[in-house]
């Protein structure tokens, strides 16, 4: 089984974030929820709020995250927070896709 866990955050026009992650926390319609590796398949609506990402490897970030990108230069993990106006998330086979407007 693939040991990687990936996240993409996209608008209709561009990719905002892509990378390998440990976890992501999303602002769901019924409250915030987290997604970890091997999560069951899921499609859910998102409301306005913060997307918080604990990244292992960052392949692309197309704008400055709210809380900055690298918390500690010597740490393996990178902590990001992006504010979104709403959207949808799909989780399938250790790949999380967040589509925002």
N, C-alpha and C. Protein backbone atom coordinates (compact mmCIF):
# COMPACT_ATOMS: atom_id res chain seq x y z
N UNK A 1 0.84 -1.19 0.00
CA UNK A 1 0.00 0.00 0.00
C UNK A 1 0.89 1.25 0.00
N UNK A 2 0.42 2.27 -0.71
CA UNK A 2 1.15 3.53 -0.80
C UNK A 2 1.24 4.17 0.58
N UNK A 3 2.43 4.58 0.98
CA UNK A 3 2.62 5.15 2.31
C UNK A 3 2.46 6.67 2.33
N UNK A 4 2.17 7.28 1.18
CA UNK A 4 2.07 8.73 1.12
C UNK A 4 0.64 9.20 1.32
N UNK A 5 0.51 10.41 1.81
CA UNK A 5 -0.77 11.05 2.09
C UNK A 5 -0.67 12.47 1.55
N UNK A 6 -1.44 12.78 0.52
CA UNK A 6 -1.29 14.03 -0.22
C UNK A 6 -2.49 14.95 -0.07
N UNK A 7 -2.22 16.25 -0.18
CA UNK A 7 -3.26 17.28 -0.16
C UNK A 7 -3.06 18.22 -1.33
N UNK A 8 -4.17 18.56 -2.00
CA UNK A 8 -4.21 19.62 -2.99
C UNK A 8 -5.31 20.59 -2.59
N UNK A 9 -5.01 21.88 -2.61
CA UNK A 9 -6.03 22.91 -2.43
C UNK A 9 -6.05 23.70 -3.73
N UNK A 10 -7.24 23.77 -4.37
CA UNK A 10 -7.36 24.38 -5.69
C UNK A 10 -8.52 25.35 -5.76
N UNK A 11 -8.35 26.38 -6.59
CA UNK A 11 -9.46 27.21 -7.04
C UNK A 11 -9.76 26.74 -8.47
N UNK A 12 -10.80 27.27 -9.11
CA UNK A 12 -11.03 26.89 -10.51
C UNK A 12 -9.86 27.29 -11.42
N UNK A 13 -9.09 28.31 -11.04
CA UNK A 13 -8.03 28.84 -11.89
C UNK A 13 -6.63 28.32 -11.59
N UNK A 14 -6.37 27.97 -10.32
CA UNK A 14 -4.98 27.65 -9.98
C UNK A 14 -4.90 26.71 -8.78
N UNK A 15 -3.71 26.16 -8.63
CA UNK A 15 -3.39 25.33 -7.48
C UNK A 15 -2.82 26.24 -6.40
N UNK A 16 -3.40 26.15 -5.20
CA UNK A 16 -2.96 26.98 -4.08
C UNK A 16 -1.92 26.25 -3.24
N UNK A 17 -2.13 24.96 -3.02
CA UNK A 17 -1.21 24.17 -2.20
C UNK A 17 -1.18 22.75 -2.73
N UNK A 18 0.00 22.14 -2.73
CA UNK A 18 0.15 20.72 -3.04
C UNK A 18 1.32 20.19 -2.23
N UNK A 19 1.12 19.06 -1.57
CA UNK A 19 2.21 18.47 -0.83
C UNK A 19 1.81 17.22 -0.07
N UNK A 20 2.80 16.59 0.51
CA UNK A 20 2.60 15.42 1.35
C UNK A 20 2.36 15.92 2.77
N UNK A 21 1.36 15.36 3.45
CA UNK A 21 0.95 15.88 4.75
C UNK A 21 0.85 14.78 5.80
N UNK A 22 0.82 15.24 7.07
CA UNK A 22 0.49 14.37 8.19
C UNK A 22 -1.00 14.43 8.49
N UNK A 23 -1.57 15.67 8.41
CA UNK A 23 -2.99 15.84 8.68
C UNK A 23 -3.46 17.18 8.13
N UNK A 24 -4.79 17.29 7.98
CA UNK A 24 -5.40 18.56 7.60
C UNK A 24 -6.68 18.71 8.44
N UNK A 25 -6.93 19.93 8.89
CA UNK A 25 -8.15 20.26 9.64
C UNK A 25 -8.94 21.24 8.79
N UNK A 26 -10.22 20.93 8.60
CA UNK A 26 -11.07 21.69 7.68
C UNK A 26 -12.29 22.25 8.38
N UNK A 27 -12.81 23.40 7.90
CA UNK A 27 -14.02 23.99 8.48
C UNK A 27 -15.28 23.41 7.83
N UNK A 28 -15.79 22.32 8.39
CA UNK A 28 -16.97 21.68 7.82
C UNK A 28 -18.24 22.44 8.11
N UNK A 29 -19.30 22.10 7.40
CA UNK A 29 -20.60 22.74 7.58
C UNK A 29 -21.13 22.54 9.01
N UNK A 30 -20.78 21.42 9.64
CA UNK A 30 -21.23 21.13 11.00
C UNK A 30 -20.12 21.26 12.03
N UNK A 31 -19.05 21.96 11.69
CA UNK A 31 -17.92 22.15 12.59
C UNK A 31 -16.63 21.63 11.99
N UNK A 32 -15.53 21.98 12.60
CA UNK A 32 -14.22 21.57 12.09
C UNK A 32 -14.02 20.07 12.25
N UNK A 33 -13.28 19.49 11.29
CA UNK A 33 -12.95 18.07 11.39
C UNK A 33 -11.57 17.85 10.78
N UNK A 34 -10.92 16.79 11.25
CA UNK A 34 -9.58 16.47 10.78
C UNK A 34 -9.57 15.24 9.90
N UNK A 35 -8.57 15.20 9.03
CA UNK A 35 -8.38 14.04 8.15
C UNK A 35 -6.94 13.58 8.32
N UNK A 36 -6.80 12.30 8.63
CA UNK A 36 -5.50 11.66 8.76
C UNK A 36 -5.34 10.61 7.66
N UNK A 37 -4.15 10.09 7.54
CA UNK A 37 -3.86 9.04 6.57
C UNK A 37 -4.82 7.86 6.75
N UNK A 38 -5.19 7.24 5.64
CA UNK A 38 -6.08 6.08 5.58
C UNK A 38 -7.52 6.41 5.99
N UNK A 39 -7.92 7.67 5.85
CA UNK A 39 -9.29 8.08 6.13
C UNK A 39 -10.23 7.40 5.12
N UNK A 40 -11.42 7.11 5.55
CA UNK A 40 -12.43 6.54 4.66
C UNK A 40 -12.76 7.54 3.55
N UNK A 41 -13.19 7.06 2.39
CA UNK A 41 -13.60 7.98 1.32
C UNK A 41 -14.68 8.94 1.82
N UNK A 42 -14.60 10.20 1.36
CA UNK A 42 -15.48 11.23 1.89
C UNK A 42 -15.62 12.36 0.87
N UNK A 43 -16.81 12.90 0.78
CA UNK A 43 -17.06 14.17 0.10
C UNK A 43 -17.88 15.00 1.07
N UNK A 44 -17.44 16.24 1.36
CA UNK A 44 -18.13 17.08 2.34
C UNK A 44 -18.05 18.55 1.93
N UNK A 45 -19.09 19.30 2.29
CA UNK A 45 -19.09 20.74 2.07
C UNK A 45 -18.29 21.45 3.14
N UNK A 46 -17.70 22.57 2.77
CA UNK A 46 -16.90 23.37 3.70
C UNK A 46 -17.50 24.77 3.80
N UNK A 47 -17.37 25.36 4.97
CA UNK A 47 -17.84 26.73 5.17
C UNK A 47 -16.63 27.66 5.31
N UNK A 48 -16.91 28.94 5.45
CA UNK A 48 -15.84 29.92 5.65
C UNK A 48 -15.07 29.58 6.92
N UNK A 49 -13.75 29.62 6.83
CA UNK A 49 -12.92 29.33 7.99
C UNK A 49 -11.50 29.02 7.59
N UNK A 50 -10.78 28.40 8.51
CA UNK A 50 -9.36 28.11 8.33
C UNK A 50 -9.13 26.65 7.96
N UNK A 51 -8.27 26.43 6.98
CA UNK A 51 -7.76 25.11 6.66
C UNK A 51 -6.37 25.05 7.27
N UNK A 52 -6.15 24.11 8.18
CA UNK A 52 -4.86 23.99 8.86
C UNK A 52 -4.17 22.71 8.39
N UNK A 53 -2.92 22.86 7.98
CA UNK A 53 -2.18 21.77 7.36
C UNK A 53 -0.88 21.53 8.12
N UNK A 54 -0.61 20.27 8.45
CA UNK A 54 0.70 19.85 8.95
C UNK A 54 1.36 19.10 7.80
N UNK A 55 2.31 19.75 7.12
CA UNK A 55 2.93 19.20 5.92
C UNK A 55 4.25 18.53 6.23
N UNK A 56 4.54 17.51 5.47
CA UNK A 56 5.84 16.85 5.52
C UNK A 56 6.72 17.41 4.40
N UNK A 57 6.15 17.48 3.19
CA UNK A 57 6.85 18.00 2.03
C UNK A 57 5.91 18.91 1.27
N UNK A 58 6.35 20.09 0.92
CA UNK A 58 5.53 21.04 0.18
C UNK A 58 6.04 21.11 -1.25
N UNK A 59 5.16 20.80 -2.21
CA UNK A 59 5.53 20.86 -3.62
C UNK A 59 5.17 22.21 -4.24
N UNK A 60 4.10 22.85 -3.74
CA UNK A 60 3.68 24.13 -4.29
C UNK A 60 2.83 24.88 -3.27
N UNK A 61 3.12 26.16 -3.10
CA UNK A 61 2.27 27.09 -2.36
C UNK A 61 2.22 28.34 -3.21
N UNK A 62 1.01 28.73 -3.68
CA UNK A 62 0.94 29.84 -4.62
C UNK A 62 0.61 31.18 -3.95
N UNK A 63 0.38 31.20 -2.64
CA UNK A 63 0.21 32.47 -1.93
C UNK A 63 0.63 32.28 -0.49
N UNK A 64 0.83 33.40 0.21
CA UNK A 64 1.31 33.34 1.59
C UNK A 64 0.21 32.82 2.52
N UNK A 65 0.48 31.77 3.27
CA UNK A 65 -0.48 31.29 4.25
C UNK A 65 -0.68 32.32 5.36
N UNK A 66 -1.81 32.24 6.02
CA UNK A 66 -2.17 33.17 7.10
C UNK A 66 -1.14 33.12 8.23
N UNK A 67 -0.78 31.93 8.68
CA UNK A 67 0.11 31.78 9.84
C UNK A 67 1.57 31.57 9.43
N UNK A 68 1.89 31.87 8.20
CA UNK A 68 3.26 31.66 7.74
C UNK A 68 3.46 30.22 7.33
N UNK A 69 4.53 29.96 6.63
CA UNK A 69 4.67 28.60 6.12
C UNK A 69 5.56 27.72 6.98
N UNK A 70 6.68 28.20 7.44
CA UNK A 70 7.60 27.33 8.17
C UNK A 70 7.71 27.81 9.60
N UNK A 71 7.25 26.97 10.53
CA UNK A 71 7.28 27.35 11.94
C UNK A 71 8.70 27.24 12.49
N UNK A 72 9.40 26.20 12.11
CA UNK A 72 10.75 25.97 12.62
C UNK A 72 11.59 25.39 11.50
N UNK A 73 12.62 26.11 11.06
CA UNK A 73 13.45 25.66 9.94
C UNK A 73 14.09 24.30 10.16
N UNK A 74 14.29 23.91 11.40
CA UNK A 74 14.93 22.62 11.67
C UNK A 74 13.92 21.50 11.83
N UNK A 75 12.64 21.83 11.89
CA UNK A 75 11.62 20.81 12.09
C UNK A 75 11.28 20.12 10.77
N UNK A 76 10.88 18.87 10.86
CA UNK A 76 10.43 18.14 9.69
C UNK A 76 9.10 18.70 9.20
N UNK A 77 8.23 19.02 10.11
CA UNK A 77 6.88 19.45 9.76
C UNK A 77 6.83 20.93 9.45
N UNK A 78 5.93 21.28 8.55
CA UNK A 78 5.63 22.66 8.21
C UNK A 78 4.16 22.88 8.52
N UNK A 79 3.83 23.97 9.18
CA UNK A 79 2.46 24.24 9.60
C UNK A 79 1.91 25.42 8.82
N UNK A 80 0.81 25.19 8.13
CA UNK A 80 0.17 26.22 7.30
C UNK A 80 -1.25 26.43 7.77
N UNK A 81 -1.77 27.63 7.53
CA UNK A 81 -3.19 27.91 7.73
C UNK A 81 -3.65 28.81 6.60
N UNK A 82 -4.71 28.39 5.92
CA UNK A 82 -5.28 29.13 4.81
C UNK A 82 -6.71 29.49 5.15
N UNK A 83 -7.12 30.73 4.92
CA UNK A 83 -8.51 31.10 5.11
C UNK A 83 -9.26 30.87 3.81
N UNK A 84 -10.42 30.20 3.91
CA UNK A 84 -11.24 29.96 2.73
C UNK A 84 -12.64 30.53 2.95
N UNK A 85 -13.35 30.76 1.87
CA UNK A 85 -14.72 31.27 1.93
C UNK A 85 -15.75 30.15 1.85
N UNK A 86 -15.29 28.93 1.69
CA UNK A 86 -16.17 27.77 1.54
C UNK A 86 -15.67 26.91 0.40
N UNK A 87 -16.29 25.75 0.24
CA UNK A 87 -15.87 24.86 -0.83
C UNK A 87 -16.32 23.45 -0.57
N UNK A 88 -15.55 22.51 -1.10
CA UNK A 88 -15.85 21.09 -0.96
C UNK A 88 -14.53 20.33 -0.84
N UNK A 89 -14.58 19.22 -0.10
CA UNK A 89 -13.40 18.36 0.05
C UNK A 89 -13.76 16.95 -0.41
N UNK A 90 -12.81 16.31 -1.08
CA UNK A 90 -12.93 14.91 -1.45
C UNK A 90 -11.71 14.18 -0.89
N UNK A 91 -11.96 13.05 -0.24
CA UNK A 91 -10.89 12.19 0.27
C UNK A 91 -11.03 10.84 -0.41
N UNK A 92 -9.97 10.38 -1.06
CA UNK A 92 -10.00 9.09 -1.75
C UNK A 92 -8.57 8.56 -1.87
N UNK A 93 -8.36 7.37 -1.36
CA UNK A 93 -7.07 6.69 -1.51
C UNK A 93 -5.88 7.53 -1.05
N UNK A 94 -5.98 8.10 0.16
CA UNK A 94 -4.90 8.92 0.75
C UNK A 94 -4.55 10.15 -0.09
N UNK A 95 -5.56 10.66 -0.79
CA UNK A 95 -5.41 11.92 -1.54
C UNK A 95 -6.59 12.81 -1.17
N UNK A 96 -6.29 13.98 -0.62
CA UNK A 96 -7.30 14.94 -0.21
C UNK A 96 -7.29 16.08 -1.22
N UNK A 97 -8.45 16.36 -1.80
CA UNK A 97 -8.58 17.48 -2.73
C UNK A 97 -9.59 18.46 -2.15
N UNK A 98 -9.16 19.70 -1.97
CA UNK A 98 -10.03 20.76 -1.47
C UNK A 98 -10.24 21.74 -2.62
N UNK A 99 -11.51 21.95 -2.99
CA UNK A 99 -11.85 22.89 -4.05
C UNK A 99 -12.51 24.09 -3.40
N UNK A 100 -11.94 25.27 -3.63
CA UNK A 100 -12.46 26.51 -3.04
C UNK A 100 -12.76 27.50 -4.15
N UNK A 101 -13.67 28.47 -3.85
CA UNK A 101 -14.09 29.44 -4.86
C UNK A 101 -13.19 30.63 -4.97
